[in-house]
Amino acid sequence: MPTLLSPLSFAGLTLRNRIVMPPMFSGFATPRGEVTDRIIEYHRVRAAAGTALVIVEHTYVHPWGRISDTQMGVHEDAMIPGLSRLAGAIKREGAVACLQLAHAGASTTAAIIGRPPLGPSSMRHPFEMDVDPAEAATPAEIRGAIEAFGNAAARAREAGFDAVEIHSAHGYLLSQFLSPLTNHREDEYGGNDENRRRLPLEVLREVRARVGKDFPVFIRLGVHDEALGGLQLNEAVRAAMELADRGVDLVDVSGGLQGSRPPVVVIRGPGWFVPYAEAVKAAVRVPVLVAGGFTDPLHADRIVREGRADLIGVGRAMLDDPSWARSAIEQLRAAAR
């Protein structure tokens, strides 16, 4: 029976345990999107504490997909040297280094990107109050976004990362295309759930073509919008199955358009996405990662022991305490004596 401290080998990777640092925005990049020493140390200390997998914060693949002036970029080759320093620092501490690739879509502003945001349709993001109305992406702009993800993945591999993660959650572009709340298109990218998942699948195909069949590719998948008329779990499970069948090596389960923010009527306890992860895990043959309010190592360990998920992402607790993994390992080892 695997535990939180059991190693895990898949897709050519070997993780020393099942503890993951999920992608968490630091806000420490330069105005050009470059890696800084502060970003490197932010990730390095959490890897040094014993974390097995570090997924580096959402990194924009195209200037139109940027969400902040202090967000890291992987949109041009000039970013590679800094990203290489970051990947190397994580790996020297014994952790697997993964870079998350993101396009904000309608979740940004004209002030940030210099033009109206792009979305699947002409609309305003339903859960982001401070963004501008988005314009519907043209076929050429959709193709440009797909190519940007592929180029970014190739740069991440060149920089020395062990894996990449495609961001299709939290109300970003691919999540917006998946959701019937924001995708009102009537072409091949909208109109039904099969068409709405076309863009994530085409991004995966492009990424896989650029990095090769043996380079690990993950996806952070928003599996429920938790809103009337939004993406439902059964639709997302079908998307997870198709993504896994077409080459995704790990599914990182999270929220859809609302991300980790709960609907106002819901009071959440730790591990709030675990029921969603269970549904995905029952349908795919690749490892499933889940985050969502984990603070107690014994609770995280129990989720793995019960087979409800394969890996546990510890976000806010690790943000508050960079040595959380070290303390968790010590606590679990003491409990096993």
C-alpha atoms as a PDB file:
ATOM      1  CA  MET A   1       0.000   0.000   0.000  1.00  0.00           C
ATOM      2  CA  PRO A   2       1.594   3.339  -1.029  1.00  0.00           C
ATOM      3  CA  THR A   3       1.874   6.151   1.503  1.00  0.00           C
ATOM      4  CA  LEU A   4       2.704   9.834   1.276  1.00  0.00           C
ATOM      5  CA  LEU A   5       6.365   8.876   1.750  1.00  0.00           C
ATOM      6  CA  SER A   6       6.435   6.130  -0.893  1.00  0.00           C
ATOM      7  CA  PRO A   7       8.480   6.810  -4.033  1.00  0.00           C
ATOM      8  CA  LEU A   8       6.573   7.002  -7.307  1.00  0.00           C
ATOM      9  CA  SER A   9       7.973   6.195 -10.742  1.00  0.00           C
ATOM     10  CA  PHE A  10       6.106   7.069 -13.945  1.00  0.00           C
ATOM     11  CA  ALA A  11       6.830   8.514 -17.393  1.00  0.00           C
ATOM     12  CA  GLY A  12      10.576   8.123 -16.846  1.00  0.00           C
ATOM     13  CA  LEU A  13      10.508  10.124 -13.606  1.00  0.00           C
ATOM     14  CA  THR A  14      11.155   8.904 -10.067  1.00  0.00           C
ATOM     15  CA  LEU A  15       9.765  10.974  -7.202  1.00  0.00           C
ATOM     16  CA  ARG A  16      11.244  10.406  -3.753  1.00  0.00           C
ATOM     17  CA  ASN A  17       7.802  10.720  -2.114  1.00  0.00           C
ATOM     18  CA  ARG A  18       4.281  11.916  -2.964  1.00  0.00           C
ATOM     19  CA  ILE A  19       4.601  15.516  -1.668  1.00  0.00           C
ATOM     20  CA  VAL A  20       4.179  18.223  -4.319  1.00  0.00           C
ATOM     21  CA  MET A  21       4.660  21.966  -4.289  1.00  0.00           C
ATOM     22  CA  PRO A  22       1.850  23.124  -6.585  1.00  0.00           C
ATOM     23  CA  PRO A  23       2.298  26.193  -8.773  1.00  0.00           C
ATOM     24  CA  MET A  24       1.906  29.291  -6.601  1.00  0.00           C
ATOM     25  CA  PHE A  25       2.427  32.796  -7.983  1.00  0.00           C
ATOM     26  CA  SER A  26       5.344  34.560  -6.316  1.00  0.00           C
ATOM     27  CA  GLY A  27       5.153  37.940  -8.047  1.00  0.00           C
ATOM     28  CA  PHE A  28       8.954  38.164  -8.050  1.00  0.00           C
ATOM     29  CA  ALA A  29       9.693  38.298 -11.803  1.00  0.00           C
ATOM     30  CA  THR A  30      11.136  41.314 -13.576  1.00  0.00           C
ATOM     31  CA  PRO A  31       8.900  43.507 -15.765  1.00  0.00           C
ATOM     32  CA  ARG A  32      10.195  41.500 -18.763  1.00  0.00           C
ATOM     33  CA  GLY A  33       9.121  38.242 -17.122  1.00  0.00           C
ATOM     34  CA  GLU A  34      12.634  37.140 -16.229  1.00  0.00           C
ATOM     35  CA  VAL A  35      13.570  34.800 -13.389  1.00  0.00           C
ATOM     36  CA  THR A  36      15.139  36.530 -10.401  1.00  0.00           C
ATOM     37  CA  ASP A  37      17.284  35.256  -7.536  1.00  0.00           C
ATOM     38  CA  ARG A  38      14.251  35.667  -5.283  1.00  0.00           C
ATOM     39  CA  ILE A  39      12.191  33.297  -7.472  1.00  0.00           C
ATOM     40  CA  ILE A  40      14.990  30.746  -7.438  1.00  0.00           C
ATOM     41  CA  GLU A  41      15.261  30.828  -3.650  1.00  0.00           C
ATOM     42  CA  TYR A  42      11.466  30.711  -3.248  1.00  0.00           C
ATOM     43  CA  HIS A  43      11.383  27.354  -5.037  1.00  0.00           C
ATOM     44  CA  ARG A  44      14.755  26.018  -3.893  1.00  0.00           C
ATOM     45  CA  VAL A  45      14.046  26.123  -0.156  1.00  0.00           C
ATOM     46  CA  ARG A  46      10.835  24.139  -0.577  1.00  0.00           C
ATOM     47  CA  ALA A  47      12.623  21.559  -2.697  1.00  0.00           C
ATOM     48  CA  ALA A  48      15.383  21.354  -0.071  1.00  0.00           C
ATOM     49  CA  ALA A  49      12.799  20.537   2.610  1.00  0.00           C
ATOM     50  CA  GLY A  50      12.123  17.187   0.921  1.00  0.00           C
ATOM     51  CA  THR A  51       9.376  18.032  -1.549  1.00  0.00           C
ATOM     52  CA  ALA A  52       9.434  15.472  -4.363  1.00  0.00           C
ATOM     53  CA  LEU A  53       7.925  17.490  -7.211  1.00  0.00           C
ATOM     54  CA  VAL A  54       8.080  21.271  -7.599  1.00  0.00           C
ATOM     55  CA  ILE A  55       5.683  22.684 -10.190  1.00  0.00           C
ATOM     56  CA  VAL A  56       6.884  26.189 -10.905  1.00  0.00           C
ATOM     57  CA  GLU A  57       4.257  28.911 -10.973  1.00  0.00           C
ATOM     58  CA  HIS A  58       2.163  29.767 -14.033  1.00  0.00           C
ATOM     59  CA  THR A  59       4.503  31.105 -16.721  1.00  0.00           C
ATOM     60  CA  TYR A  60       3.025  32.952 -19.667  1.00  0.00           C
ATOM     61  CA  VAL A  61       3.562  31.468 -23.104  1.00  0.00           C
ATOM     62  CA  HIS A  62       2.567  34.550 -25.118  1.00  0.00           C
ATOM     63  CA  PRO A  63       2.600  38.298 -24.338  1.00  0.00           C
ATOM     64  CA  TRP A  64      -1.181  38.361 -24.818  1.00  0.00           C
ATOM     65  CA  GLY A  65      -1.529  35.657 -22.158  1.00  0.00           C
ATOM     66  CA  ARG A  66       0.183  37.579 -19.377  1.00  0.00           C
ATOM     67  CA  ILE A  67      -1.792  38.292 -16.205  1.00  0.00           C
ATOM     68  CA  SER A  68       0.629  40.421 -14.185  1.00  0.00           C
ATOM     69  CA  ASP A  69       3.626  42.724 -14.585  1.00  0.00           C
ATOM     70  CA  THR A  70       5.525  40.481 -12.156  1.00  0.00           C
ATOM     71  CA  GLN A  71       4.664  37.126 -13.777  1.00  0.00           C
ATOM     72  CA  MET A  72       7.376  34.834 -15.135  1.00  0.00           C
ATOM     73  CA  GLY A  73       7.508  34.357 -18.891  1.00  0.00           C
ATOM     74  CA  VAL A  74       8.555  31.543 -21.191  1.00  0.00           C
ATOM     75  CA  HIS A  75       7.433  33.428 -24.283  1.00  0.00           C
ATOM     76  CA  GLU A  76      10.829  34.006 -25.878  1.00  0.00           C
ATOM     77  CA  ASP A  77      14.253  32.397 -26.012  1.00  0.00           C
ATOM     78  CA  ALA A  78      15.769  35.166 -23.868  1.00  0.00           C
ATOM     79  CA  MET A  79      14.008  33.594 -20.872  1.00  0.00           C
ATOM     80  CA  ILE A  80      15.887  30.288 -21.173  1.00  0.00           C
ATOM     81  CA  PRO A  81      19.060  31.174 -19.199  1.00  0.00           C
ATOM     82  CA  GLY A  82      17.092  32.297 -16.142  1.00  0.00           C
ATOM     83  CA  LEU A  83      14.757  29.320 -16.349  1.00  0.00           C
ATOM     84  CA  SER A  84      17.794  27.058 -16.562  1.00  0.00           C
ATOM     85  CA  ARG A  85      19.167  28.503 -13.321  1.00  0.00           C
ATOM     86  CA  LEU A  86      15.792  27.889 -11.675  1.00  0.00           C
ATOM     87  CA  ALA A  87      15.447  24.300 -12.888  1.00  0.00           C
ATOM     88  CA  GLY A  88      18.993  23.531 -11.827  1.00  0.00           C
ATOM     89  CA  ALA A  89      18.462  24.898  -8.326  1.00  0.00           C
ATOM     90  CA  ILE A  90      15.368  22.744  -7.810  1.00  0.00           C
ATOM     91  CA  LYS A  91      16.990  19.590  -9.176  1.00  0.00           C
ATOM     92  CA  ARG A  92      20.149  19.980  -7.098  1.00  0.00           C
ATOM     93  CA  GLU A  93      17.942  19.706  -4.006  1.00  0.00           C
ATOM     94  CA  GLY A  94      16.677  16.315  -5.158  1.00  0.00           C
ATOM     95  CA  ALA A  95      13.254  17.361  -6.457  1.00  0.00           C
ATOM     96  CA  VAL A  96      11.750  16.907  -9.905  1.00  0.00           C
ATOM     97  CA  ALA A  97      11.321  20.287 -11.636  1.00  0.00           C
ATOM     98  CA  CYS A  98       8.213  20.999 -13.723  1.00  0.00           C
ATOM     99  CA  LEU A  99       7.273  24.289 -15.399  1.00  0.00           C
ATOM    100  CA  GLN A 100       3.612  25.261 -15.700  1.00  0.00           C
ATOM    101  CA  LEU A 101       2.689  26.826 -19.051  1.00  0.00           C
ATOM    102  CA  ALA A 102      -0.204  29.298 -19.021  1.00  0.00           C
ATOM    103  CA  HIS A 103      -2.229  31.695 -21.146  1.00  0.00           C
ATOM    104  CA  ALA A 104      -4.543  33.999 -19.205  1.00  0.00           C
ATOM    105  CA  GLY A 105      -7.055  34.493 -21.983  1.00  0.00           C
ATOM    106  CA  ALA A 106      -9.889  36.661 -20.673  1.00  0.00           C
ATOM    107  CA  SER A 107      -8.392  36.810 -17.155  1.00  0.00           C
ATOM    108  CA  THR A 108      -6.223  39.844 -17.834  1.00  0.00           C
ATOM    109  CA  THR A 109      -6.484  43.513 -18.807  1.00  0.00           C
ATOM    110  CA  ALA A 110      -5.596  45.723 -21.737  1.00  0.00           C
ATOM    111  CA  ALA A 111      -3.262  47.661 -19.433  1.00  0.00           C
ATOM    112  CA  ILE A 112      -1.166  44.510 -18.952  1.00  0.00           C
ATOM    113  CA  ILE A 113      -1.094  43.154 -22.502  1.00  0.00           C
ATOM    114  CA  GLY A 114      -1.616  46.282 -24.624  1.00  0.00           C
ATOM    115  CA  ARG A 115      -4.791  45.063 -26.333  1.00  0.00           C
ATOM    116  CA  PRO A 116      -8.221  43.690 -25.359  1.00  0.00           C
ATOM    117  CA  PRO A 117      -7.961  40.239 -23.771  1.00  0.00           C
ATOM    118  CA  LEU A 118      -8.686  37.150 -25.862  1.00  0.00           C
ATOM    119  CA  GLY A 119     -11.376  34.672 -24.916  1.00  0.00           C
ATOM    120  CA  PRO A 120     -13.350  31.911 -26.584  1.00  0.00           C
ATOM    121  CA  SER A 121     -16.176  34.417 -27.042  1.00  0.00           C
ATOM    122  CA  SER A 122     -16.821  38.117 -26.683  1.00  0.00           C
ATOM    123  CA  MET A 123     -17.545  38.276 -22.971  1.00  0.00           C
ATOM    124  CA  ARG A 124     -16.351  39.376 -19.547  1.00  0.00           C
ATOM    125  CA  HIS A 125     -14.905  36.743 -17.242  1.00  0.00           C
ATOM    126  CA  PRO A 126     -17.737  35.813 -14.829  1.00  0.00           C
ATOM    127  CA  PHE A 127     -15.510  35.506 -11.739  1.00  0.00           C
ATOM    128  CA  GLU A 128     -12.842  38.165 -12.316  1.00  0.00           C
ATOM    129  CA  MET A 129     -14.112  41.620 -11.418  1.00  0.00           C
ATOM    130  CA  ASP A 130     -11.053  43.670 -12.418  1.00  0.00           C
ATOM    131  CA  VAL A 131     -10.560  42.486 -16.003  1.00  0.00           C
ATOM    132  CA  ASP A 132     -11.610  44.009 -19.314  1.00  0.00           C
ATOM    133  CA  PRO A 133     -14.177  42.544 -21.696  1.00  0.00           C
ATOM    134  CA  ALA A 134     -12.592  39.938 -23.960  1.00  0.00           C
ATOM    135  CA  GLU A 135     -12.762  39.638 -27.706  1.00  0.00           C
ATOM    136  CA  ALA A 136     -13.503  36.293 -29.321  1.00  0.00           C
ATOM    137  CA  ALA A 137     -10.269  34.726 -30.547  1.00  0.00           C
ATOM    138  CA  THR A 138     -10.049  34.357 -34.305  1.00  0.00           C
ATOM    139  CA  PRO A 139      -8.918  31.052 -35.859  1.00  0.00           C
ATOM    140  CA  ALA A 140      -5.504  32.623 -36.485  1.00  0.00           C
ATOM    141  CA  GLU A 141      -5.249  33.748 -32.863  1.00  0.00           C
ATOM    142  CA  ILE A 142      -6.226  30.281 -31.651  1.00  0.00           C
ATOM    143  CA  ARG A 143      -3.498  28.799 -33.827  1.00  0.00           C
ATOM    144  CA  GLY A 144      -1.055  31.343 -32.442  1.00  0.00           C
ATOM    145  CA  ALA A 145      -1.888  30.328 -28.888  1.00  0.00           C
ATOM    146  CA  ILE A 146      -1.426  26.643 -29.709  1.00  0.00           C
ATOM    147  CA  GLU A 147       1.976  27.334 -31.264  1.00  0.00           C
ATOM    148  CA  ALA A 148       2.944  29.478 -28.280  1.00  0.00           C
ATOM    149  CA  PHE A 149       2.329  26.566 -25.906  1.00  0.00           C
ATOM    150  CA  GLY A 150       4.465  24.302 -28.098  1.00  0.00           C
ATOM    151  CA  ASN A 151       7.302  26.829 -28.318  1.00  0.00           C
ATOM    152  CA  ALA A 152       7.165  27.361 -24.553  1.00  0.00           C
ATOM    153  CA  ALA A 153       7.342  23.633 -23.865  1.00  0.00           C
ATOM    154  CA  ALA A 154      10.408  23.329 -26.085  1.00  0.00           C
ATOM    155  CA  ARG A 155      12.071  26.179 -24.178  1.00  0.00           C
ATOM    156  CA  ALA A 156      11.279  24.527 -20.847  1.00  0.00           C
ATOM    157  CA  ARG A 157      12.901  21.316 -21.999  1.00  0.00           C
ATOM    158  CA  GLU A 158      15.945  23.208 -23.283  1.00  0.00           C
ATOM    159  CA  ALA A 159      16.190  24.989 -19.913  1.00  0.00           C
ATOM    160  CA  GLY A 160      16.502  21.639 -18.142  1.00  0.00           C
ATOM    161  CA  PHE A 161      13.069  21.144 -16.638  1.00  0.00           C
ATOM    162  CA  ASP A 162      12.059  17.519 -16.138  1.00  0.00           C
ATOM    163  CA  ALA A 163       8.431  18.072 -17.215  1.00  0.00           C
ATOM    164  CA  VAL A 164       5.892  20.697 -18.223  1.00  0.00           C
ATOM    165  CA  GLU A 165       2.339  21.225 -17.036  1.00  0.00           C
ATOM    166  CA  ILE A 166      -0.344  22.687 -19.302  1.00  0.00           C
ATOM    167  CA  HIS A 167      -2.596  25.034 -17.330  1.00  0.00           C
ATOM    168  CA  SER A 168      -6.237  24.268 -18.102  1.00  0.00           C
ATOM    169  CA  ALA A 169      -7.850  25.429 -14.862  1.00  0.00           C
ATOM    170  CA  HIS A 170      -8.566  28.515 -12.741  1.00  0.00           C
ATOM    171  CA  GLY A 171     -10.377  30.439 -15.442  1.00  0.00           C
ATOM    172  CA  TYR A 172      -7.398  30.703 -17.790  1.00  0.00           C
ATOM    173  CA  LEU A 173      -7.725  30.384 -21.572  1.00  0.00           C
ATOM    174  CA  LEU A 174      -8.007  26.610 -21.904  1.00  0.00           C
ATOM    175  CA  SER A 175     -10.397  26.490 -18.957  1.00  0.00           C
ATOM    176  CA  GLN A 176     -12.475  29.196 -20.619  1.00  0.00           C
ATOM    177  CA  PHE A 177     -12.740  27.099 -23.785  1.00  0.00           C
ATOM    178  CA  LEU A 178     -13.834  24.074 -21.722  1.00  0.00           C
ATOM    179  CA  SER A 179     -16.614  25.938 -19.930  1.00  0.00           C
ATOM    180  CA  PRO A 180     -20.071  26.502 -21.420  1.00  0.00           C
ATOM    181  CA  LEU A 181     -20.287  29.625 -19.250  1.00  0.00           C
ATOM    182  CA  THR A 182     -17.603  31.363 -21.299  1.00  0.00           C
ATOM    183  CA  ASN A 183     -17.470  29.414 -24.557  1.00  0.00           C
ATOM    184  CA  HIS A 184     -20.382  30.404 -26.777  1.00  0.00           C
ATOM    185  CA  ARG A 185     -18.679  29.631 -30.068  1.00  0.00           C
ATOM    186  CA  GLU A 186     -20.530  27.925 -32.903  1.00  0.00           C
ATOM    187  CA  ASP A 187     -17.488  26.663 -34.809  1.00  0.00           C
ATOM    188  CA  GLU A 188     -15.374  23.548 -34.204  1.00  0.00           C
ATOM    189  CA  TYR A 189     -14.213  24.953 -30.834  1.00  0.00           C
ATOM    190  CA  GLY A 190     -17.667  25.280 -29.273  1.00  0.00           C
ATOM    191  CA  GLY A 191     -21.278  24.178 -29.232  1.00  0.00           C
ATOM    192  CA  ASN A 192     -20.871  20.900 -27.320  1.00  0.00           C
ATOM    193  CA  ASP A 193     -18.496  19.379 -24.810  1.00  0.00           C
ATOM    194  CA  GLU A 194     -16.522  17.525 -27.491  1.00  0.00           C
ATOM    195  CA  ASN A 195     -15.798  20.755 -29.358  1.00  0.00           C
ATOM    196  CA  ARG A 196     -15.096  22.684 -26.152  1.00  0.00           C
ATOM    197  CA  ARG A 197     -12.268  20.313 -25.261  1.00  0.00           C
ATOM    198  CA  ARG A 198     -10.724  20.583 -28.735  1.00  0.00           C
ATOM    199  CA  LEU A 199      -8.341  23.409 -27.796  1.00  0.00           C
ATOM    200  CA  PRO A 200      -6.737  21.650 -24.787  1.00  0.00           C
ATOM    201  CA  LEU A 201      -6.307  18.552 -26.937  1.00  0.00           C
ATOM    202  CA  GLU A 202      -4.722  20.522 -29.771  1.00  0.00           C
ATOM    203  CA  VAL A 203      -2.395  22.251 -27.292  1.00  0.00           C
ATOM    204  CA  LEU A 204      -1.390  18.838 -25.961  1.00  0.00           C
ATOM    205  CA  ARG A 205      -0.727  17.576 -29.480  1.00  0.00           C
ATOM    206  CA  GLU A 206       1.472  20.597 -30.242  1.00  0.00           C
ATOM    207  CA  VAL A 207       3.370  20.339 -26.961  1.00  0.00           C
ATOM    208  CA  ARG A 208       3.926  16.628 -27.449  1.00  0.00           C
ATOM    209  CA  ALA A 209       5.165  17.240 -31.002  1.00  0.00           C
ATOM    210  CA  ARG A 210       7.681  19.814 -29.759  1.00  0.00           C
ATOM    211  CA  VAL A 211       9.081  17.928 -26.754  1.00  0.00           C
ATOM    212  CA  GLY A 212       8.877  14.358 -28.037  1.00  0.00           C
ATOM    213  CA  LYS A 213       7.025  11.283 -26.893  1.00  0.00           C
ATOM    214  CA  ASP A 214       9.296  10.561 -23.914  1.00  0.00           C
ATOM    215  CA  PHE A 215       9.246  13.976 -22.206  1.00  0.00           C
ATOM    216  CA  PRO A 216       6.690  14.108 -19.358  1.00  0.00           C
ATOM    217  CA  VAL A 217       3.666  16.345 -19.955  1.00  0.00           C
ATOM    218  CA  PHE A 218       1.148  17.046 -17.183  1.00  0.00           C
ATOM    219  CA  ILE A 219      -2.125  18.947 -17.223  1.00  0.00           C
ATOM    220  CA  ARG A 220      -3.745  20.979 -14.481  1.00  0.00           C
ATOM    221  CA  LEU A 221      -7.398  20.375 -15.228  1.00  0.00           C
ATOM    222  CA  GLY A 222     -10.256  22.392 -13.792  1.00  0.00           C
ATOM    223  CA  VAL A 223     -12.843  19.667 -13.335  1.00  0.00           C
ATOM    224  CA  HIS A 224     -15.837  21.635 -12.079  1.00  0.00           C
ATOM    225  CA  ASP A 225     -16.928  25.261 -12.433  1.00  0.00           C
ATOM    226  CA  GLU A 226     -19.154  24.915  -9.349  1.00  0.00           C
ATOM    227  CA  ALA A 227     -21.583  27.301 -10.966  1.00  0.00           C
ATOM    228  CA  LEU A 228     -24.994  26.910 -12.597  1.00  0.00           C
ATOM    229  CA  GLY A 229     -24.519  26.250 -16.310  1.00  0.00           C
ATOM    230  CA  GLY A 230     -20.789  25.719 -15.945  1.00  0.00           C
ATOM    231  CA  LEU A 231     -18.480  22.789 -16.591  1.00  0.00           C
ATOM    232  CA  GLN A 232     -19.622  19.665 -14.757  1.00  0.00           C
ATOM    233  CA  LEU A 233     -17.570  16.794 -13.372  1.00  0.00           C
ATOM    234  CA  ASN A 234     -18.764  14.209 -15.893  1.00  0.00           C
ATOM    235  CA  GLU A 235     -17.662  16.421 -18.810  1.00  0.00           C
ATOM    236  CA  ALA A 236     -14.279  17.026 -17.206  1.00  0.00           C
ATOM    237  CA  VAL A 237     -13.748  13.312 -16.559  1.00  0.00           C
ATOM    238  CA  ARG A 238     -14.318  12.656 -20.253  1.00  0.00           C
ATOM    239  CA  ALA A 239     -11.748  15.353 -21.033  1.00  0.00           C
ATOM    240  CA  ALA A 240      -9.269  13.774 -18.599  1.00  0.00           C
ATOM    241  CA  MET A 241      -9.722  10.372 -20.221  1.00  0.00           C
ATOM    242  CA  GLU A 242      -9.118  11.728 -23.714  1.00  0.00           C
ATOM    243  CA  LEU A 243      -6.116  13.775 -22.602  1.00  0.00           C
ATOM    244  CA  ALA A 244      -4.577  10.729 -20.909  1.00  0.00           C
ATOM    245  CA  ASP A 245      -5.259   8.588 -23.971  1.00  0.00           C
ATOM    246  CA  ARG A 246      -3.467  11.158 -26.135  1.00  0.00           C
ATOM    247  CA  GLY A 247      -0.325  11.484 -24.085  1.00  0.00           C
ATOM    248  CA  VAL A 248      -0.821  13.343 -20.790  1.00  0.00           C
ATOM    249  CA  ASP A 249       1.333  11.652 -18.134  1.00  0.00           C
ATOM    250  CA  LEU A 250      -0.315  13.117 -15.007  1.00  0.00           C
ATOM    251  CA  VAL A 251      -3.634  14.833 -14.250  1.00  0.00           C
ATOM    252  CA  ASP A 252      -3.441  17.618 -11.651  1.00  0.00           C
ATOM    253  CA  VAL A 253      -7.026  18.038 -10.438  1.00  0.00           C
ATOM    254  CA  SER A 254      -8.220  21.527  -9.534  1.00  0.00           C
ATOM    255  CA  GLY A 255     -11.153  23.892  -9.962  1.00  0.00           C
ATOM    256  CA  GLY A 256     -12.476  25.386 -13.159  1.00  0.00           C
ATOM    257  CA  LEU A 257     -13.398  29.009 -13.743  1.00  0.00           C
ATOM    258  CA  GLN A 258     -13.483  29.750 -10.015  1.00  0.00           C
ATOM    259  CA  GLY A 259     -10.241  27.912  -9.313  1.00  0.00           C
ATOM    260  CA  SER A 260      -9.814  27.230  -5.602  1.00  0.00           C
ATOM    261  CA  ARG A 261     -12.327  29.921  -4.669  1.00  0.00           C
ATOM    262  CA  PRO A 262     -15.482  28.194  -3.403  1.00  0.00           C
ATOM    263  CA  PRO A 263     -19.008  29.241  -4.276  1.00  0.00           C
ATOM    264  CA  VAL A 264     -20.259  31.598  -1.573  1.00  0.00           C
ATOM    265  CA  VAL A 265     -22.635  28.979  -0.154  1.00  0.00           C
ATOM    266  CA  VAL A 266     -19.914  26.361   0.384  1.00  0.00           C
ATOM    267  CA  ILE A 267     -17.747  26.016   3.487  1.00  0.00           C
ATOM    268  CA  ARG A 268     -14.788  23.844   2.586  1.00  0.00           C
ATOM    269  CA  GLY A 269     -12.580  21.675   4.711  1.00  0.00           C
ATOM    270  CA  PRO A 270      -9.070  20.422   3.875  1.00  0.00           C
ATOM    271  CA  GLY A 271      -8.779  18.332   0.731  1.00  0.00           C
ATOM    272  CA  TRP A 272     -11.825  19.847  -0.894  1.00  0.00           C
ATOM    273  CA  PHE A 273     -10.970  18.603  -4.394  1.00  0.00           C
ATOM    274  CA  VAL A 274     -10.451  14.971  -3.306  1.00  0.00           C
ATOM    275  CA  PRO A 275     -13.925  13.781  -4.450  1.00  0.00           C
ATOM    276  CA  TYR A 276     -13.163  15.185  -7.899  1.00  0.00           C
ATOM    277  CA  ALA A 277      -9.742  13.519  -7.918  1.00  0.00           C
ATOM    278  CA  GLU A 278     -11.346  10.184  -7.043  1.00  0.00           C
ATOM    279  CA  ALA A 279     -13.653  10.444 -10.050  1.00  0.00           C
ATOM    280  CA  VAL A 280     -10.746  11.224 -12.367  1.00  0.00           C
ATOM    281  CA  LYS A 281      -8.541   8.513 -10.867  1.00  0.00           C
ATOM    282  CA  ALA A 282     -11.244   5.916 -11.484  1.00  0.00           C
ATOM    283  CA  ALA A 283     -11.257   6.837 -15.170  1.00  0.00           C
ATOM    284  CA  VAL A 284      -7.564   7.220 -16.100  1.00  0.00           C
ATOM    285  CA  ARG A 285      -4.452   5.072 -15.890  1.00  0.00           C
ATOM    286  CA  VAL A 286      -1.998   7.883 -15.157  1.00  0.00           C
ATOM    287  CA  PRO A 287      -1.154   9.346 -11.735  1.00  0.00           C
ATOM    288  CA  VAL A 288      -3.582  11.862 -10.267  1.00  0.00           C
ATOM    289  CA  LEU A 289      -2.428  14.822  -8.187  1.00  0.00           C
ATOM    290  CA  VAL A 290      -4.776  16.751  -5.926  1.00  0.00           C
ATOM    291  CA  ALA A 291      -4.373  19.909  -3.861  1.00  0.00           C
ATOM    292  CA  GLY A 292      -6.885  21.940  -1.897  1.00  0.00           C
ATOM    293  CA  GLY A 293      -6.264  23.065   1.659  1.00  0.00           C
ATOM    294  CA  PHE A 294      -4.027  20.254   2.900  1.00  0.00           C
ATOM    295  CA  THR A 295      -2.231  21.148   6.131  1.00  0.00           C
ATOM    296  CA  ASP A 296      -2.102  17.904   8.144  1.00  0.00           C
ATOM    297  CA  PRO A 297       0.455  15.301   6.986  1.00  0.00           C
ATOM    298  CA  LEU A 298      -1.611  12.489   8.484  1.00  0.00           C
ATOM    299  CA  HIS A 299      -4.623  13.557   6.432  1.00  0.00           C
ATOM    300  CA  ALA A 300      -2.552  13.784   3.250  1.00  0.00           C
ATOM    301  CA  ASP A 301      -1.060  10.372   3.981  1.00  0.00           C
ATOM    302  CA  ARG A 302      -4.518   8.877   4.467  1.00  0.00           C
ATOM    303  CA  ILE A 303      -5.721  10.114   1.068  1.00  0.00           C
ATOM    304  CA  VAL A 304      -2.822   8.306  -0.617  1.00  0.00           C
ATOM    305  CA  ARG A 305      -3.229   5.164   1.498  1.00  0.00           C
ATOM    306  CA  GLU A 306      -6.916   4.995   0.608  1.00  0.00           C
ATOM    307  CA  GLY A 307      -6.098   5.217  -3.096  1.00  0.00           C
ATOM    308  CA  ARG A 308      -8.074   8.416  -3.602  1.00  0.00           C
ATOM    309  CA  ALA A 309      -5.127  10.215  -5.218  1.00  0.00           C
ATOM    310  CA  ASP A 310      -1.508   9.415  -6.023  1.00  0.00           C
ATOM    311  CA  LEU A 311       0.133  12.694  -5.071  1.00  0.00           C
ATOM    312  CA  ILE A 312      -0.767  15.554  -2.728  1.00  0.00           C
ATOM    313  CA  GLY A 313      -0.177  19.214  -3.508  1.00  0.00           C
ATOM    314  CA  VAL A 314       0.420  21.355  -0.441  1.00  0.00           C
ATOM    315  CA  GLY A 315      -0.054  25.009  -1.325  1.00  0.00           C
ATOM    316  CA  ARG A 316      -0.891  27.529   1.365  1.00  0.00           C
ATOM    317  CA  ALA A 317       0.679  25.490   4.166  1.00  0.00           C
ATOM    318  CA  MET A 318       3.940  25.292   2.208  1.00  0.00           C
ATOM    319  CA  LEU A 319       3.660  28.982   1.354  1.00  0.00           C
ATOM    320  CA  ASP A 320       3.392  29.795   5.064  1.00  0.00           C
ATOM    321  CA  ASP A 321       6.105  27.299   6.076  1.00  0.00           C
ATOM    322  CA  PRO A 322       8.809  26.529   3.483  1.00  0.00           C
ATOM    323  CA  SER A 323       9.941  23.574   5.631  1.00  0.00           C
ATOM    324  CA  TRP A 324       6.487  21.946   5.719  1.00  0.00           C
ATOM    325  CA  ALA A 325       7.695  18.878   3.818  1.00  0.00           C
ATOM    326  CA  ARG A 326      10.551  18.300   6.251  1.00  0.00           C
ATOM    327  CA  SER A 327       8.213  18.483   9.240  1.00  0.00           C
ATOM    328  CA  ALA A 328       5.667  16.229   7.523  1.00  0.00           C
ATOM    329  CA  ILE A 329       8.279  13.580   6.765  1.00  0.00           C
ATOM    330  CA  GLU A 330       9.507  13.617  10.362  1.00  0.00           C
ATOM    331  CA  GLN A 331       5.956  13.380  11.720  1.00  0.00           C
ATOM    332  CA  LEU A 332       4.997  10.479   9.472  1.00  0.00           C
ATOM    333  CA  ARG A 333       8.187   8.578  10.198  1.00  0.00           C
ATOM    334  CA  ALA A 334       7.636   9.023  13.933  1.00  0.00           C
ATOM    335  CA  ALA A 335       4.038   7.803  13.610  1.00  0.00           C
ATOM    336  CA  ALA A 336       5.226   4.670  11.775  1.00  0.00           C
ATOM    337  CA  ARG A 337       7.661   3.622  14.517  1.00  0.00           C
END
